[in-house]
Amino acid sequence: METFHMHFSQEERPFVQTVEKTIARVAERDLTHLTDFLDPRQLQIVRGLTNRHPDVQFVSFGGYPDAERCRGLMLPAYQTAEDWDWELSVVRISPESSGTVLTHGDYLGALTGLGVKRSKYGDISITDTCADIILTTEMSGFVLLNLTHVARAKVRTAEVALSSFTPPAVDFEERTFTVASPRLDAVLSDAMRLSRAKVLDPIRAGKVQVNWRQVSDPSWQLAEGDVVSMRGFGRFRILEMEGVSKKGRLFVKIGKYM
């Protein structure tokens, strides 16, 4: 088992151990277990661990197909998850003043300011007039009662049907640049428009994730499709990584999430 745990980073191992204990409890007692919202990396870990156990299955749902953050359900292999109550609610947040522009980060900050843990809500869809947030049902009432401001803007909240949630549009700012190699520090510095020296400390401090997995090695090799984020600076996806310039540098095309 220790060899198996070597596939996970030191920071992930407490989560892995908790999941393993939950899987064993589900198998031994014929229980079901509904998780809070998990990010894509956590979903990958749980799915991999349950696949190793013949008596437990794992399914996930985040409110709509292809949701990024989902709740997971562990249940005995002989049971079915059809028509399962995922205990999801949608809260619509609308600024009181028309024309107020609020960002994804503003809504995240408002929820954090209320003490709402990230595991208690899933994807956020923002339009010109409001934001819809998928939450655990147990948390939705708290947000409805207590969220009165986002940034400095006064807001109204209302619960709406899950069916009215519109999946967030993926809006990229595309850029192409060249790097000496696909190392994390090289690509990150150009993507975030920072010097190579200024991305080294955040990487080593655990503030950078690749595919939702914390990576503290500046020499980590990136590939097409990887999603890279740096705390406080947003995230980007590597759209293309091909072709070499006359000077032998690699062309990289990224999409920076807006």
Protein backbone atom coordinates (compact mmCIF):
# COMPACT_ATOMS: atom_id res chain seq x y z
CA MET A 1 0.00 0.00 0.00
CA GLU A 2 2.87 2.37 0.74
CA THR A 3 4.12 1.86 -2.83
CA PHE A 4 0.66 2.76 -4.11
CA HIS A 5 0.65 5.95 -2.02
CA MET A 6 3.86 7.06 -3.75
CA HIS A 7 1.69 7.99 -6.75
CA PHE A 8 0.28 10.90 -4.72
CA SER A 9 1.95 14.05 -3.45
CA GLN A 10 2.54 14.52 0.25
CA GLU A 11 -0.29 17.06 0.35
CA GLU A 12 -2.74 14.61 -1.24
CA ARG A 13 -2.07 11.66 1.05
CA PRO A 14 -4.35 12.72 3.95
CA PHE A 15 -7.21 13.02 1.43
CA VAL A 16 -6.32 9.62 -0.04
CA GLN A 17 -6.31 8.00 3.40
CA THR A 18 -9.70 9.51 4.26
CA VAL A 19 -11.17 8.25 0.99
CA GLU A 20 -9.77 4.76 1.60
CA LYS A 21 -11.39 4.63 5.03
CA THR A 22 -14.72 5.76 3.57
CA ILE A 23 -14.57 3.13 0.81
CA ALA A 24 -13.87 0.42 3.40
CA ARG A 25 -16.82 1.59 5.52
CA VAL A 26 -19.17 1.60 2.50
CA ALA A 27 -18.08 -1.94 1.59
CA GLU A 28 -18.20 -3.41 5.08
CA ARG A 29 -21.52 -1.87 6.16
CA ASP A 30 -23.41 -1.67 2.84
CA LEU A 31 -23.65 2.11 3.18
CA THR A 32 -23.85 4.98 0.73
CA HIS A 33 -21.72 8.09 1.09
CA LEU A 34 -22.35 11.45 -0.60
CA THR A 35 -19.31 13.73 -0.69
CA ASP A 36 -19.15 17.49 -0.79
CA PHE A 37 -18.00 19.09 -4.05
CA LEU A 38 -14.72 17.74 -5.35
CA ASP A 39 -12.39 19.34 -7.87
CA PRO A 40 -11.32 17.38 -10.98
CA ARG A 41 -8.14 16.09 -9.34
CA GLN A 42 -10.01 14.86 -6.26
CA LEU A 43 -12.61 13.20 -8.49
CA GLN A 44 -9.80 11.45 -10.34
CA ILE A 45 -8.32 10.21 -7.07
CA VAL A 46 -11.64 8.92 -5.69
CA ARG A 47 -12.52 7.24 -8.98
CA GLY A 48 -9.13 5.53 -9.09
CA LEU A 49 -9.40 4.31 -5.49
CA THR A 50 -12.94 2.96 -5.88
CA ASN A 51 -11.97 1.18 -9.10
CA ARG A 52 -9.55 -0.85 -6.99
CA HIS A 53 -12.39 -2.13 -4.80
CA PRO A 54 -14.75 -4.66 -6.46
CA ASP A 55 -17.60 -4.09 -3.97
CA VAL A 56 -17.86 -0.29 -4.30
CA GLN A 57 -18.80 1.93 -7.22
CA PHE A 58 -18.44 5.67 -7.65
CA VAL A 59 -20.54 8.14 -9.64
CA SER A 60 -20.47 11.92 -9.68
CA PHE A 61 -22.71 14.82 -10.65
CA GLY A 62 -22.33 18.59 -10.46
CA GLY A 63 -25.76 19.75 -11.54
CA TYR A 64 -25.31 19.49 -15.31
CA PRO A 65 -23.30 17.41 -17.82
CA ASP A 66 -19.57 18.20 -17.88
CA ALA A 67 -19.64 20.18 -14.63
CA GLU A 68 -16.12 20.88 -13.42
CA ARG A 69 -16.79 20.48 -9.71
CA CYS A 70 -19.07 17.61 -8.70
CA ARG A 71 -20.44 15.78 -5.69
CA GLY A 72 -19.46 12.14 -5.57
CA LEU A 73 -21.48 9.14 -4.48
CA MET A 74 -19.93 5.92 -3.19
CA LEU A 75 -22.31 2.99 -2.98
CA PRO A 76 -22.27 -0.81 -2.99
CA ALA A 77 -21.60 -2.24 -6.44
CA TYR A 78 -25.00 -3.98 -6.61
CA GLN A 79 -27.00 -0.77 -6.08
CA THR A 80 -28.07 1.77 -8.69
CA ALA A 81 -27.62 5.52 -8.54
CA GLU A 82 -30.54 6.32 -10.83
CA ASP A 83 -32.83 9.08 -9.52
CA TRP A 84 -30.45 9.73 -6.64
CA ASP A 85 -31.08 12.94 -4.70
CA TRP A 86 -27.78 14.79 -5.06
CA GLU A 87 -28.97 17.50 -2.64
CA LEU A 88 -28.10 20.37 -4.96
CA SER A 89 -29.59 23.86 -4.96
CA VAL A 90 -29.00 26.95 -7.10
CA VAL A 91 -28.81 30.43 -5.63
CA ARG A 92 -29.10 33.36 -8.03
CA ILE A 93 -27.22 36.51 -6.98
CA SER A 94 -28.27 39.77 -8.61
CA PRO A 95 -26.69 43.21 -8.02
CA GLU A 96 -29.28 45.77 -6.93
CA SER A 97 -27.81 48.45 -9.19
CA SER A 98 -28.11 47.82 -12.91
CA GLY A 99 -24.86 47.98 -14.80
CA THR A 100 -22.79 46.67 -11.89
CA VAL A 101 -20.06 44.38 -13.21
CA LEU A 102 -18.84 41.64 -10.87
CA THR A 103 -16.24 38.98 -11.62
CA HIS A 104 -15.89 35.32 -10.78
CA GLY A 105 -13.30 36.30 -8.19
CA ASP A 106 -15.72 38.78 -6.60
CA TYR A 107 -18.28 36.03 -6.02
CA LEU A 108 -15.66 33.63 -4.70
CA GLY A 109 -14.42 36.31 -2.33
CA ALA A 110 -17.93 37.04 -1.05
CA LEU A 111 -18.57 33.39 -0.25
CA THR A 112 -15.19 33.03 1.41
CA GLY A 113 -15.93 36.14 3.46
CA LEU A 114 -19.06 34.43 4.77
CA GLY A 115 -17.00 31.43 5.82
CA VAL A 116 -18.45 29.14 3.14
CA LYS A 117 -15.92 26.41 2.35
CA ARG A 118 -15.07 25.77 -1.30
CA SER A 119 -16.26 22.19 -0.91
CA LYS A 120 -19.82 23.41 -0.26
CA TYR A 121 -20.43 24.89 -3.72
CA GLY A 122 -19.72 23.89 -7.26
CA ASP A 123 -19.66 25.75 -10.55
CA ILE A 124 -20.56 29.40 -10.93
CA SER A 125 -22.24 30.78 -14.06
CA ILE A 126 -22.03 34.55 -14.57
CA THR A 127 -24.15 36.63 -16.94
CA ASP A 128 -24.44 40.38 -17.46
CA THR A 129 -27.17 40.63 -14.80
CA CYS A 130 -26.55 37.89 -12.23
CA ALA A 131 -24.59 34.86 -11.12
CA ASP A 132 -25.97 31.38 -10.49
CA ILE A 133 -24.11 29.21 -7.97
CA ILE A 134 -24.71 25.51 -7.38
CA LEU A 135 -24.48 24.67 -3.68
CA THR A 136 -25.14 21.79 -1.36
CA THR A 137 -28.75 22.09 -0.23
CA GLU A 138 -27.65 22.36 3.41
CA MET A 139 -25.60 25.48 2.58
CA SER A 140 -28.04 27.26 0.27
CA GLY A 141 -30.25 28.54 3.10
CA PHE A 142 -27.26 30.09 4.86
CA VAL A 143 -26.18 31.91 1.71
CA LEU A 144 -29.72 33.13 1.01
CA LEU A 145 -29.94 34.64 4.48
CA ASN A 146 -26.48 36.09 4.82
CA LEU A 147 -25.14 37.17 1.44
CA THR A 148 -25.98 40.84 1.06
CA HIS A 149 -22.87 42.22 -0.67
CA VAL A 150 -20.46 41.08 -3.35
CA ALA A 151 -17.37 43.25 -3.39
CA ARG A 152 -18.97 46.59 -2.42
CA ALA A 153 -22.16 46.04 -4.37
CA LYS A 154 -25.46 45.30 -2.67
CA VAL A 155 -27.06 42.12 -4.02
CA ARG A 156 -30.31 40.20 -3.88
CA THR A 157 -30.43 36.42 -3.59
CA ALA A 158 -33.10 33.93 -4.61
CA GLU A 159 -33.29 30.17 -5.01
CA VAL A 160 -34.01 29.00 -8.56
CA ALA A 161 -34.58 25.59 -10.12
CA LEU A 162 -31.53 23.52 -11.00
CA SER A 163 -32.94 23.22 -14.53
CA SER A 164 -32.59 26.99 -14.99
CA PHE A 165 -28.82 26.87 -14.42
CA THR A 166 -26.98 27.75 -17.63
CA PRO A 167 -23.52 26.16 -17.85
CA PRO A 168 -20.80 28.79 -17.73
CA ALA A 169 -19.34 29.78 -21.06
CA VAL A 170 -15.62 29.18 -21.35
CA ASP A 171 -14.07 32.48 -22.40
CA PHE A 172 -10.38 32.41 -23.31
CA GLU A 173 -7.87 35.12 -24.03
CA GLU A 174 -5.59 33.31 -26.46
CA ARG A 175 -1.88 34.05 -26.74
CA THR A 176 1.07 32.42 -28.43
CA PHE A 177 4.68 32.69 -27.33
CA THR A 178 7.89 30.69 -27.47
CA VAL A 179 9.79 29.01 -24.66
CA ALA A 180 13.11 27.21 -24.45
CA SER A 181 11.38 24.10 -23.05
CA PRO A 182 7.95 23.03 -21.73
CA ARG A 183 9.10 23.43 -18.12
CA LEU A 184 6.48 24.75 -15.73
CA ASP A 185 8.48 27.83 -14.71
CA ALA A 186 9.22 28.76 -18.33
CA VAL A 187 5.62 28.52 -19.55
CA LEU A 188 4.13 30.04 -16.39
CA SER A 189 6.33 33.14 -16.52
CA ASP A 190 5.28 33.94 -20.10
CA ALA A 191 1.64 33.04 -19.51
CA MET A 192 1.36 35.30 -16.45
CA ARG A 193 3.67 37.98 -17.90
CA LEU A 194 6.06 37.69 -14.96
CA SER A 195 9.81 37.21 -14.83
CA ARG A 196 11.11 33.68 -14.41
CA ALA A 197 12.41 34.63 -10.95
CA LYS A 198 8.96 35.84 -9.81
CA VAL A 199 7.25 32.51 -10.50
CA LEU A 200 9.84 30.34 -8.76
CA ASP A 201 8.83 31.26 -5.20
CA PRO A 202 5.06 30.67 -5.78
CA ILE A 203 5.82 27.29 -7.37
CA ARG A 204 8.04 26.20 -4.51
CA ALA A 205 5.52 27.54 -1.96
CA GLY A 206 2.77 25.29 -3.31
CA LYS A 207 0.74 28.09 -4.93
CA VAL A 208 0.75 26.52 -8.39
CA GLN A 209 -1.40 23.63 -9.60
CA VAL A 210 -1.28 21.57 -12.79
CA ASN A 211 -4.58 19.83 -13.53
CA TRP A 212 -5.70 20.73 -9.99
CA ARG A 213 -2.68 18.97 -8.53
CA GLN A 214 -0.17 20.99 -6.52
CA VAL A 215 3.21 20.99 -8.25
CA SER A 216 6.25 22.45 -6.49
CA ASP A 217 8.90 21.40 -9.02
CA PRO A 218 9.77 24.26 -11.43
CA SER A 219 11.11 21.74 -13.97
CA TRP A 220 7.77 19.88 -14.25
CA GLN A 221 7.10 19.14 -17.94
CA LEU A 222 3.82 20.49 -19.28
CA ALA A 223 1.80 19.07 -22.17
CA GLU A 224 -1.12 20.03 -24.40
CA GLY A 225 -4.40 20.11 -22.51
CA ASP A 226 -2.85 20.83 -19.12
CA VAL A 227 -4.65 23.39 -16.97
CA VAL A 228 -2.26 25.51 -14.91
CA SER A 229 -3.25 27.90 -12.13
CA MET A 230 -1.33 30.21 -9.84
CA ARG A 231 -2.97 31.58 -6.72
CA GLY A 232 -3.90 35.21 -7.20
CA PHE A 233 -3.18 35.19 -10.95
CA GLY A 234 -5.86 32.94 -12.43
CA ARG A 235 -5.41 29.96 -14.69
CA PHE A 236 -4.82 28.97 -18.29
CA ARG A 237 -5.04 25.91 -20.53
CA ILE A 238 -2.32 24.85 -22.94
CA LEU A 239 -4.15 24.69 -26.26
CA GLU A 240 -1.24 23.82 -28.52
CA MET A 241 2.39 23.00 -28.01
CA GLU A 242 4.03 22.33 -31.34
CA GLY A 243 6.48 23.73 -33.85
CA VAL A 244 9.92 25.16 -33.30
CA SER A 245 11.16 28.64 -34.16
CA LYS A 246 14.31 29.32 -36.17
CA LYS A 247 16.09 29.77 -32.85
CA GLY A 248 14.97 26.35 -31.64
CA ARG A 249 12.31 27.60 -29.24
CA LEU A 250 8.99 25.80 -28.77
CA PHE A 251 5.74 27.52 -29.80
CA VAL A 252 3.09 27.44 -27.06
CA LYS A 253 -0.52 28.58 -27.49
CA ILE A 254 -2.51 29.13 -24.31
CA GLY A 255 -6.04 30.14 -23.43
CA LYS A 256 -6.17 32.33 -20.32
CA TYR A 257 -9.50 31.98 -18.51
CA MET A 258 -11.29 35.33 -18.36
